[in-house]
PDB file of N, CA and C in Angstrom:
ATOM      1  N   UNK A   1     -11.659 -13.757  24.887  1.00  0.00           N
ATOM      2  CA  UNK A   1     -10.829 -13.890  23.700  1.00  0.00           C
ATOM      3  C   UNK A   1     -11.110 -12.704  22.779  1.00  0.00           C
ATOM      4  N   UNK A   2     -10.070 -12.173  22.190  1.00  0.00           N
ATOM      5  CA  UNK A   2     -10.178 -11.082  21.221  1.00  0.00           C
ATOM      6  C   UNK A   2      -9.849 -11.646  19.842  1.00  0.00           C
ATOM      7  N   UNK A   3     -10.598 -11.215  18.858  1.00  0.00           N
ATOM      8  CA  UNK A   3     -10.467 -11.756  17.511  1.00  0.00           C
ATOM      9  C   UNK A   3     -10.088 -10.659  16.529  1.00  0.00           C
ATOM     10  N   UNK A   4      -9.108 -10.945  15.695  1.00  0.00           N
ATOM     11  CA  UNK A   4      -8.736 -10.086  14.575  1.00  0.00           C
ATOM     12  C   UNK A   4      -9.248 -10.810  13.341  1.00  0.00           C
ATOM     13  N   UNK A   5      -9.915 -10.085  12.461  1.00  0.00           N
ATOM     14  CA  UNK A   5     -10.573 -10.753  11.339  1.00  0.00           C
ATOM     15  C   UNK A   5     -10.433  -9.951  10.046  1.00  0.00           C
ATOM     16  N   UNK A   6     -10.598 -10.665   8.942  1.00  0.00           N
ATOM     17  CA  UNK A   6     -10.573 -10.050   7.616  1.00  0.00           C
ATOM     18  C   UNK A   6     -11.861 -10.439   6.911  1.00  0.00           C
ATOM     19  N   UNK A   7     -12.580  -9.427   6.449  1.00  0.00           N
ATOM     20  CA  UNK A   7     -13.774  -9.644   5.644  1.00  0.00           C
ATOM     21  C   UNK A   7     -13.451  -9.302   4.205  1.00  0.00           C
ATOM     22  N   UNK A   8     -14.064 -10.019   3.293  1.00  0.00           N
ATOM     23  CA  UNK A   8     -13.899  -9.717   1.874  1.00  0.00           C
ATOM     24  C   UNK A   8     -15.278  -9.430   1.294  1.00  0.00           C
ATOM     25  N   UNK A   9     -15.383  -8.332   0.560  1.00  0.00           N
ATOM     26  CA  UNK A   9     -16.622  -8.012  -0.121  1.00  0.00           C
ATOM     27  C   UNK A   9     -16.710  -8.867  -1.370  1.00  0.00           C
ATOM     28  N   UNK A  10     -17.770  -9.660  -1.476  1.00  0.00           N
ATOM     29  CA  UNK A  10     -17.899 -10.606  -2.581  1.00  0.00           C
ATOM     30  C   UNK A  10     -18.250  -9.922  -3.898  1.00  0.00           C
ATOM     31  N   UNK A  11     -18.628  -8.652  -3.849  1.00  0.00           N
ATOM     32  CA  UNK A  11     -18.939  -7.915  -5.073  1.00  0.00           C
ATOM     33  C   UNK A  11     -17.688  -7.321  -5.716  1.00  0.00           C
ATOM     34  N   UNK A  12     -16.875  -6.638  -4.914  1.00  0.00           N
ATOM     35  CA  UNK A  12     -15.698  -5.959  -5.478  1.00  0.00           C
ATOM     36  C   UNK A  12     -14.366  -6.492  -4.955  1.00  0.00           C
ATOM     37  N   UNK A  13     -14.404  -7.520  -4.092  1.00  0.00           N
ATOM     38  CA  UNK A  13     -13.210  -8.173  -3.532  1.00  0.00           C
ATOM     39  C   UNK A  13     -12.397  -7.261  -2.607  1.00  0.00           C
ATOM     40  N   UNK A  14     -12.986  -6.160  -2.153  1.00  0.00           N
ATOM     41  CA  UNK A  14     -12.319  -5.291  -1.185  1.00  0.00           C
ATOM     42  C   UNK A  14     -12.270  -5.953   0.186  1.00  0.00           C
ATOM     43  N   UNK A  15     -11.303  -5.559   1.007  1.00  0.00           N
ATOM     44  CA  UNK A  15     -11.124  -6.143   2.326  1.00  0.00           C
ATOM     45  C   UNK A  15     -11.459  -5.134   3.419  1.00  0.00           C
ATOM     46  N   UNK A  16     -11.894  -5.668   4.547  1.00  0.00           N
ATOM     47  CA  UNK A  16     -12.043  -4.901   5.779  1.00  0.00           C
ATOM     48  C   UNK A  16     -11.355  -5.697   6.871  1.00  0.00           C
ATOM     49  N   UNK A  17     -10.511  -5.038   7.650  1.00  0.00           N
ATOM     50  CA  UNK A  17      -9.767  -5.685   8.739  1.00  0.00           C
ATOM     51  C   UNK A  17     -10.182  -5.024  10.045  1.00  0.00           C
ATOM     52  N   UNK A  18     -10.552  -5.837  11.034  1.00  0.00           N
ATOM     53  CA  UNK A  18     -10.976  -5.298  12.314  1.00  0.00           C
ATOM     54  C   UNK A  18     -10.672  -6.260  13.448  1.00  0.00           C
ATOM     55  N   UNK A  19     -11.085  -5.863  14.664  1.00  0.00           N
ATOM     56  CA  UNK A  19     -10.953  -6.763  15.808  1.00  0.00           C
ATOM     57  C   UNK A  19     -12.180  -6.602  16.696  1.00  0.00           C
ATOM     58  N   UNK A  20     -12.492  -7.642  17.444  1.00  0.00           N
ATOM     59  CA  UNK A  20     -13.686  -7.657  18.281  1.00  0.00           C
ATOM     60  C   UNK A  20     -13.535  -8.690  19.389  1.00  0.00           C
ATOM     61  N   UNK A  21     -14.423  -8.614  20.352  1.00  0.00           N
ATOM     62  CA  UNK A  21     -14.460  -9.632  21.398  1.00  0.00           C
ATOM     63  C   UNK A  21     -15.514 -10.698  21.070  1.00  0.00           C
ATOM     64  N   UNK A  22     -16.484 -10.356  20.225  1.00  0.00           N
ATOM     65  CA  UNK A  22     -17.549 -11.296  19.852  1.00  0.00           C
ATOM     66  C   UNK A  22     -17.587 -11.412  18.331  1.00  0.00           C
ATOM     67  N   UNK A  23     -16.916 -12.396  17.803  1.00  0.00           N
ATOM     68  CA  UNK A  23     -16.724 -12.546  16.359  1.00  0.00           C
ATOM     69  C   UNK A  23     -18.046 -12.765  15.613  1.00  0.00           C
ATOM     70  N   UNK A  24     -18.885 -13.649  16.106  1.00  0.00           N
ATOM     71  CA  UNK A  24     -20.141 -13.944  15.415  1.00  0.00           C
ATOM     72  C   UNK A  24     -21.068 -12.723  15.374  1.00  0.00           C
ATOM     73  N   UNK A  25     -21.179 -12.033  16.504  1.00  0.00           N
ATOM     74  CA  UNK A  25     -22.030 -10.844  16.574  1.00  0.00           C
ATOM     75  C   UNK A  25     -21.506  -9.759  15.641  1.00  0.00           C
ATOM     76  N   UNK A  26     -20.202  -9.563  15.640  1.00  0.00           N
ATOM     77  CA  UNK A  26     -19.613  -8.510  14.804  1.00  0.00           C
ATOM     78  C   UNK A  26     -19.823  -8.806  13.319  1.00  0.00           C
ATOM     79  N   UNK A  27     -19.686 -10.062  12.921  1.00  0.00           N
ATOM     80  CA  UNK A  27     -19.921 -10.430  11.529  1.00  0.00           C
ATOM     81  C   UNK A  27     -21.373 -10.141  11.141  1.00  0.00           C
ATOM     82  N   UNK A  28     -22.314 -10.502  12.022  1.00  0.00           N
ATOM     83  CA  UNK A  28     -23.733 -10.203  11.756  1.00  0.00           C
ATOM     84  C   UNK A  28     -23.954  -8.704  11.607  1.00  0.00           C
ATOM     85  N   UNK A  29     -23.286  -7.906  12.446  1.00  0.00           N
ATOM     86  CA  UNK A  29     -23.422  -6.448  12.348  1.00  0.00           C
ATOM     87  C   UNK A  29     -22.929  -5.942  10.996  1.00  0.00           C
ATOM     88  N   UNK A  30     -21.774  -6.418  10.573  1.00  0.00           N
ATOM     89  CA  UNK A  30     -21.240  -6.003   9.274  1.00  0.00           C
ATOM     90  C   UNK A  30     -22.184  -6.408   8.141  1.00  0.00           C
ATOM     91  N   UNK A  31     -22.678  -7.625   8.201  1.00  0.00           N
ATOM     92  CA  UNK A  31     -23.536  -8.124   7.129  1.00  0.00           C
ATOM     93  C   UNK A  31     -24.889  -7.433   7.082  1.00  0.00           C
ATOM     94  N   UNK A  32     -25.354  -6.915   8.214  1.00  0.00           N
ATOM     95  CA  UNK A  32     -26.664  -6.271   8.256  1.00  0.00           C
ATOM     96  C   UNK A  32     -26.590  -4.753   8.088  1.00  0.00           C
ATOM     97  N   UNK A  33     -25.387  -4.214   7.866  1.00  0.00           N
ATOM     98  CA  UNK A  33     -25.252  -2.778   7.647  1.00  0.00           C
ATOM     99  C   UNK A  33     -24.992  -1.963   8.896  1.00  0.00           C
ATOM    100  N   UNK A  34     -24.789  -2.617  10.053  1.00  0.00           N
ATOM    101  CA  UNK A  34     -24.519  -1.913  11.305  1.00  0.00           C
ATOM    102  C   UNK A  34     -23.051  -1.984  11.696  1.00  0.00           C
ATOM    103  N   UNK A  35     -22.211  -2.327  10.745  1.00  0.00           N
ATOM    104  CA  UNK A  35     -20.779  -2.421  11.029  1.00  0.00           C
ATOM    105  C   UNK A  35     -20.135  -1.048  10.976  1.00  0.00           C
ATOM    106  N   UNK A  36     -18.958  -0.986  10.470  1.00  0.00           N
ATOM    107  CA  UNK A  36     -18.243   0.280  10.346  1.00  0.00           C
ATOM    108  C   UNK A  36     -18.785   1.068   9.158  1.00  0.00           C
ATOM    109  N   UNK A  37     -18.320   2.285   9.003  1.00  0.00           N
ATOM    110  CA  UNK A  37     -18.714   3.111   7.866  1.00  0.00           C
ATOM    111  C   UNK A  37     -18.342   2.427   6.550  1.00  0.00           C
ATOM    112  N   UNK A  38     -17.187   1.784   6.534  1.00  0.00           N
ATOM    113  CA  UNK A  38     -16.714   1.095   5.329  1.00  0.00           C
ATOM    114  C   UNK A  38     -17.633  -0.053   4.937  1.00  0.00           C
ATOM    115  N   UNK A  39     -17.998  -0.899   5.902  1.00  0.00           N
ATOM    116  CA  UNK A  39     -18.799  -2.077   5.565  1.00  0.00           C
ATOM    117  C   UNK A  39     -20.277  -1.749   5.412  1.00  0.00           C
ATOM    118  N   UNK A  40     -20.757  -0.703   6.068  1.00  0.00           N
ATOM    119  CA  UNK A  40     -22.180  -0.381   5.945  1.00  0.00           C
ATOM    120  C   UNK A  40     -22.504   0.232   4.581  1.00  0.00           C
ATOM    121  N   UNK A  41     -21.496   0.777   3.906  1.00  0.00           N
ATOM    122  CA  UNK A  41     -21.715   1.371   2.584  1.00  0.00           C
ATOM    123  C   UNK A  41     -21.864   0.299   1.501  1.00  0.00           C
ATOM    124  N   UNK A  42     -21.400  -0.904   1.781  1.00  0.00           N
ATOM    125  CA  UNK A  42     -21.491  -2.012   0.819  1.00  0.00           C
ATOM    126  C   UNK A  42     -22.070  -3.230   1.535  1.00  0.00           C
ATOM    127  N   UNK A  43     -22.553  -4.189   0.782  1.00  0.00           N
ATOM    128  CA  UNK A  43     -23.066  -5.407   1.403  1.00  0.00           C
ATOM    129  C   UNK A  43     -22.352  -6.614   0.818  1.00  0.00           C
ATOM    130  N   UNK A  44     -22.744  -7.795   1.275  1.00  0.00           N
ATOM    131  CA  UNK A  44     -22.192  -9.057   0.782  1.00  0.00           C
ATOM    132  C   UNK A  44     -20.762  -9.315   1.272  1.00  0.00           C
ATOM    133  N   UNK A  45     -20.562  -9.216   2.595  1.00  0.00           N
ATOM    134  CA  UNK A  45     -19.263  -9.461   3.222  1.00  0.00           C
ATOM    135  C   UNK A  45     -19.150 -10.914   3.660  1.00  0.00           C
ATOM    136  N   UNK A  46     -17.965 -11.471   3.490  1.00  0.00           N
ATOM    137  CA  UNK A  46     -17.693 -12.834   3.935  1.00  0.00           C
ATOM    138  C   UNK A  46     -16.373 -12.836   4.708  1.00  0.00           C
ATOM    139  N   UNK A  47     -16.354 -13.553   5.837  1.00  0.00           N
ATOM    140  CA  UNK A  47     -15.124 -13.655   6.612  1.00  0.00           C
ATOM    141  C   UNK A  47     -14.187 -14.638   5.918  1.00  0.00           C
ATOM    142  N   UNK A  48     -12.952 -14.199   5.679  1.00  0.00           N
ATOM    143  CA  UNK A  48     -11.994 -15.068   5.007  1.00  0.00           C
ATOM    144  C   UNK A  48     -10.811 -15.436   5.893  1.00  0.00           C
ATOM    145  N   UNK A  49     -10.673 -14.775   7.061  1.00  0.00           N
ATOM    146  CA  UNK A  49      -9.516 -15.054   7.920  1.00  0.00           C
ATOM    147  C   UNK A  49      -9.796 -14.500   9.314  1.00  0.00           C
ATOM    148  N   UNK A  50      -9.330 -15.217  10.345  1.00  0.00           N
ATOM    149  CA  UNK A  50      -9.393 -14.672  11.701  1.00  0.00           C
ATOM    150  C   UNK A  50      -8.332 -15.331  12.581  1.00  0.00           C
ATOM    151  N   UNK A  51      -7.956 -14.619  13.619  1.00  0.00           N
ATOM    152  CA  UNK A  51      -6.982 -15.080  14.609  1.00  0.00           C
ATOM    153  C   UNK A  51      -7.506 -14.714  15.992  1.00  0.00           C
ATOM    154  N   UNK A  52      -7.206 -15.523  16.992  1.00  0.00           N
ATOM    155  CA  UNK A  52      -7.631 -15.256  18.361  1.00  0.00           C
ATOM    156  C   UNK A  52      -6.477 -14.859  19.266  1.00  0.00           C
ATOM    157  N   UNK A  53      -6.747 -13.927  20.190  1.00  0.00           N
ATOM    158  CA  UNK A  53      -5.752 -13.443  21.154  1.00  0.00           C
ATOM    159  C   UNK A  53      -6.378 -13.339  22.534  1.00  0.00           C
ATOM    160  N   UNK A  54      -5.613 -13.641  23.547  1.00  0.00           N
ATOM    161  CA  UNK A  54      -6.088 -13.521  24.924  1.00  0.00           C
ATOM    162  C   UNK A  54      -6.018 -12.083  25.430  1.00  0.00           C
ATOM    163  N   UNK A  55      -5.144 -11.292  24.853  1.00  0.00           N
ATOM    164  CA  UNK A  55      -4.905  -9.936  25.331  1.00  0.00           C
ATOM    165  C   UNK A  55      -5.378  -8.920  24.292  1.00  0.00           C
ATOM    166  N   UNK A  56      -6.128  -7.922  24.735  1.00  0.00           N
ATOM    167  CA  UNK A  56      -6.671  -6.911  23.825  1.00  0.00           C
ATOM    168  C   UNK A  56      -5.570  -6.126  23.117  1.00  0.00           C
ATOM    169  N   UNK A  57      -4.518  -5.774  23.818  1.00  0.00           N
ATOM    170  CA  UNK A  57      -3.432  -5.007  23.196  1.00  0.00           C
ATOM    171  C   UNK A  57      -2.729  -5.811  22.107  1.00  0.00           C
ATOM    172  N   UNK A  58      -2.608  -7.116  22.309  1.00  0.00           N
ATOM    173  CA  UNK A  58      -2.028  -7.974  21.269  1.00  0.00           C
ATOM    174  C   UNK A  58      -2.921  -7.983  20.029  1.00  0.00           C
ATOM    175  N   UNK A  59      -4.224  -8.072  20.229  1.00  0.00           N
ATOM    176  CA  UNK A  59      -5.166  -8.074  19.104  1.00  0.00           C
ATOM    177  C   UNK A  59      -5.126  -6.745  18.358  1.00  0.00           C
ATOM    178  N   UNK A  60      -5.097  -5.642  19.103  1.00  0.00           N
ATOM    179  CA  UNK A  60      -5.032  -4.315  18.468  1.00  0.00           C
ATOM    180  C   UNK A  60      -3.740  -4.156  17.659  1.00  0.00           C
ATOM    181  N   UNK A  61      -2.644  -4.643  18.227  1.00  0.00           N
ATOM    182  CA  UNK A  61      -1.361  -4.567  17.524  1.00  0.00           C
ATOM    183  C   UNK A  61      -1.375  -5.393  16.248  1.00  0.00           C
ATOM    184  N   UNK A  62      -1.983  -6.566  16.317  1.00  0.00           N
ATOM    185  CA  UNK A  62      -2.061  -7.414  15.130  1.00  0.00           C
ATOM    186  C   UNK A  62      -2.961  -6.794  14.071  1.00  0.00           C
ATOM    187  N   UNK A  63      -4.062  -6.197  14.493  1.00  0.00           N
ATOM    188  CA  UNK A  63      -4.949  -5.502  13.554  1.00  0.00           C
ATOM    189  C   UNK A  63      -4.179  -4.380  12.841  1.00  0.00           C
ATOM    190  N   UNK A  64      -3.449  -3.612  13.609  1.00  0.00           N
ATOM    191  CA  UNK A  64      -2.653  -2.510  13.047  1.00  0.00           C
ATOM    192  C   UNK A  64      -1.642  -3.045  12.037  1.00  0.00           C
ATOM    193  N   UNK A  65      -0.984  -4.163  12.372  1.00  0.00           N
ATOM    194  CA  UNK A  65      -0.017  -4.762  11.460  1.00  0.00           C
ATOM    195  C   UNK A  65      -0.692  -5.224  10.174  1.00  0.00           C
ATOM    196  N   UNK A  66      -1.817  -5.932  10.295  1.00  0.00           N
ATOM    197  CA  UNK A  66      -2.480  -6.466   9.103  1.00  0.00           C
ATOM    198  C   UNK A  66      -2.980  -5.353   8.174  1.00  0.00           C
ATOM    199  N   UNK A  67      -3.236  -4.179   8.719  1.00  0.00           N
ATOM    200  CA  UNK A  67      -3.672  -3.046   7.897  1.00  0.00           C
ATOM    201  C   UNK A  67      -2.498  -2.375   7.189  1.00  0.00           C
ATOM    202  N   UNK A  68      -1.281  -2.705   7.570  1.00  0.00           N
ATOM    203  CA  UNK A  68      -0.087  -2.104   6.965  1.00  0.00           C
ATOM    204  C   UNK A  68       0.263  -2.818   5.661  1.00  0.00           C
ATOM    205  N   UNK A  69       1.181  -2.263   4.925  1.00  0.00           N
ATOM    206  CA  UNK A  69       1.643  -2.885   3.683  1.00  0.00           C
ATOM    207  C   UNK A  69       2.232  -4.266   3.918  1.00  0.00           C
ATOM    208  N   UNK A  70       3.060  -4.404   4.950  1.00  0.00           N
ATOM    209  CA  UNK A  70       3.647  -5.705   5.277  1.00  0.00           C
ATOM    210  C   UNK A  70       2.577  -6.700   5.704  1.00  0.00           C
ATOM    211  N   UNK A  71       1.588  -6.218   6.441  1.00  0.00           N
ATOM    212  CA  UNK A  71       0.505  -7.080   6.882  1.00  0.00           C
ATOM    213  C   UNK A  71      -0.331  -7.590   5.723  1.00  0.00           C
ATOM    214  N   UNK A  72      -0.595  -6.724   4.761  1.00  0.00           N
ATOM    215  CA  UNK A  72      -1.363  -7.155   3.579  1.00  0.00           C
ATOM    216  C   UNK A  72      -0.559  -8.164   2.761  1.00  0.00           C
ATOM    217  N   UNK A  73       0.761  -7.984   2.695  1.00  0.00           N
ATOM    218  CA  UNK A  73       1.604  -8.973   2.010  1.00  0.00           C
ATOM    219  C   UNK A  73       1.518 -10.314   2.736  1.00  0.00           C
ATOM    220  N   UNK A  74       1.562 -10.277   4.076  1.00  0.00           N
ATOM    221  CA  UNK A  74       1.431 -11.492   4.866  1.00  0.00           C
ATOM    222  C   UNK A  74       0.109 -12.194   4.560  1.00  0.00           C
ATOM    223  N   UNK A  75      -0.994 -11.424   4.548  1.00  0.00           N
ATOM    224  CA  UNK A  75      -2.304 -12.013   4.284  1.00  0.00           C
ATOM    225  C   UNK A  75      -2.381 -12.622   2.886  1.00  0.00           C
ATOM    226  N   UNK A  76      -1.826 -11.944   1.913  1.00  0.00           N
ATOM    227  CA  UNK A  76      -1.845 -12.473   0.548  1.00  0.00           C
ATOM    228  C   UNK A  76      -1.061 -13.784   0.464  1.00  0.00           C
ATOM    229  N   UNK A  77       0.044 -13.865   1.216  1.00  0.00           N
ATOM    230  CA  UNK A  77       0.824 -15.098   1.243  1.00  0.00           C
ATOM    231  C   UNK A  77       0.074 -16.180   2.019  1.00  0.00           C
ATOM    232  N   UNK A  78      -0.525 -15.817   3.137  1.00  0.00           N
ATOM    233  CA  UNK A  78      -1.256 -16.764   3.983  1.00  0.00           C
ATOM    234  C   UNK A  78      -2.481 -17.325   3.257  1.00  0.00           C
ATOM    235  N   UNK A  79      -3.109 -16.505   2.437  1.00  0.00           N
ATOM    236  CA  UNK A  79      -4.356 -16.888   1.757  1.00  0.00           C
ATOM    237  C   UNK A  79      -4.155 -17.156   0.272  1.00  0.00           C
ATOM    238  N   UNK A  80      -2.944 -17.522  -0.108  1.00  0.00           N
ATOM    239  CA  UNK A  80      -2.627 -17.670  -1.540  1.00  0.00           C
ATOM    240  C   UNK A  80      -3.519 -18.678  -2.246  1.00  0.00           C
ATOM    241  N   UNK A  81      -3.888 -19.758  -1.593  1.00  0.00           N
ATOM    242  CA  UNK A  81      -4.759 -20.744  -2.232  1.00  0.00           C
ATOM    243  C   UNK A  81      -6.173 -20.186  -2.403  1.00  0.00           C
ATOM    244  N   UNK A  82      -6.686 -19.521  -1.394  1.00  0.00           N
ATOM    245  CA  UNK A  82      -8.017 -18.916  -1.474  1.00  0.00           C
ATOM    246  C   UNK A  82      -8.053 -17.843  -2.564  1.00  0.00           C
ATOM    247  N   UNK A  83      -7.010 -17.032  -2.602  1.00  0.00           N
ATOM    248  CA  UNK A  83      -6.959 -15.921  -3.553  1.00  0.00           C
ATOM    249  C   UNK A  83      -6.555 -16.369  -4.959  1.00  0.00           C
ATOM    250  N   UNK A  84      -6.027 -17.573  -5.085  1.00  0.00           N
ATOM    251  CA  UNK A  84      -5.579 -18.057  -6.386  1.00  0.00           C
ATOM    252  C   UNK A  84      -4.316 -17.378  -6.860  1.00  0.00           C
ATOM    253  N   UNK A  85      -3.457 -16.986  -5.919  1.00  0.00           N
ATOM    254  CA  UNK A  85      -2.200 -16.297  -6.220  1.00  0.00           C
ATOM    255  C   UNK A  85      -1.079 -17.328  -6.230  1.00  0.00           C
ATOM    256  N   UNK A  86      -0.159 -17.173  -7.156  1.00  0.00           N
ATOM    257  CA  UNK A  86       1.002 -18.095  -7.197  1.00  0.00           C
ATOM    258  C   UNK A  86       2.248 -17.405  -6.761  1.00  0.00           C
TER     259      UNK A  86
END
């Protein structure tokens, strides 16, 4: 299974969007500073959203979409209760 996920930095509320085959391991890497350049520069990441895919290309495509303007609008709508958006 391939996972597309969104992390939120609890200090500045910034987001990181990625994909992985091992969701728990990848989250630990981000939280311990061994994640991407973006997440290793800051700490205090929390997973706020994830989706599972059987096919790697589908997961990569979804990651690419979520990083786009339309994808971020989708996430804001999907997470409106969490974000406190009306």
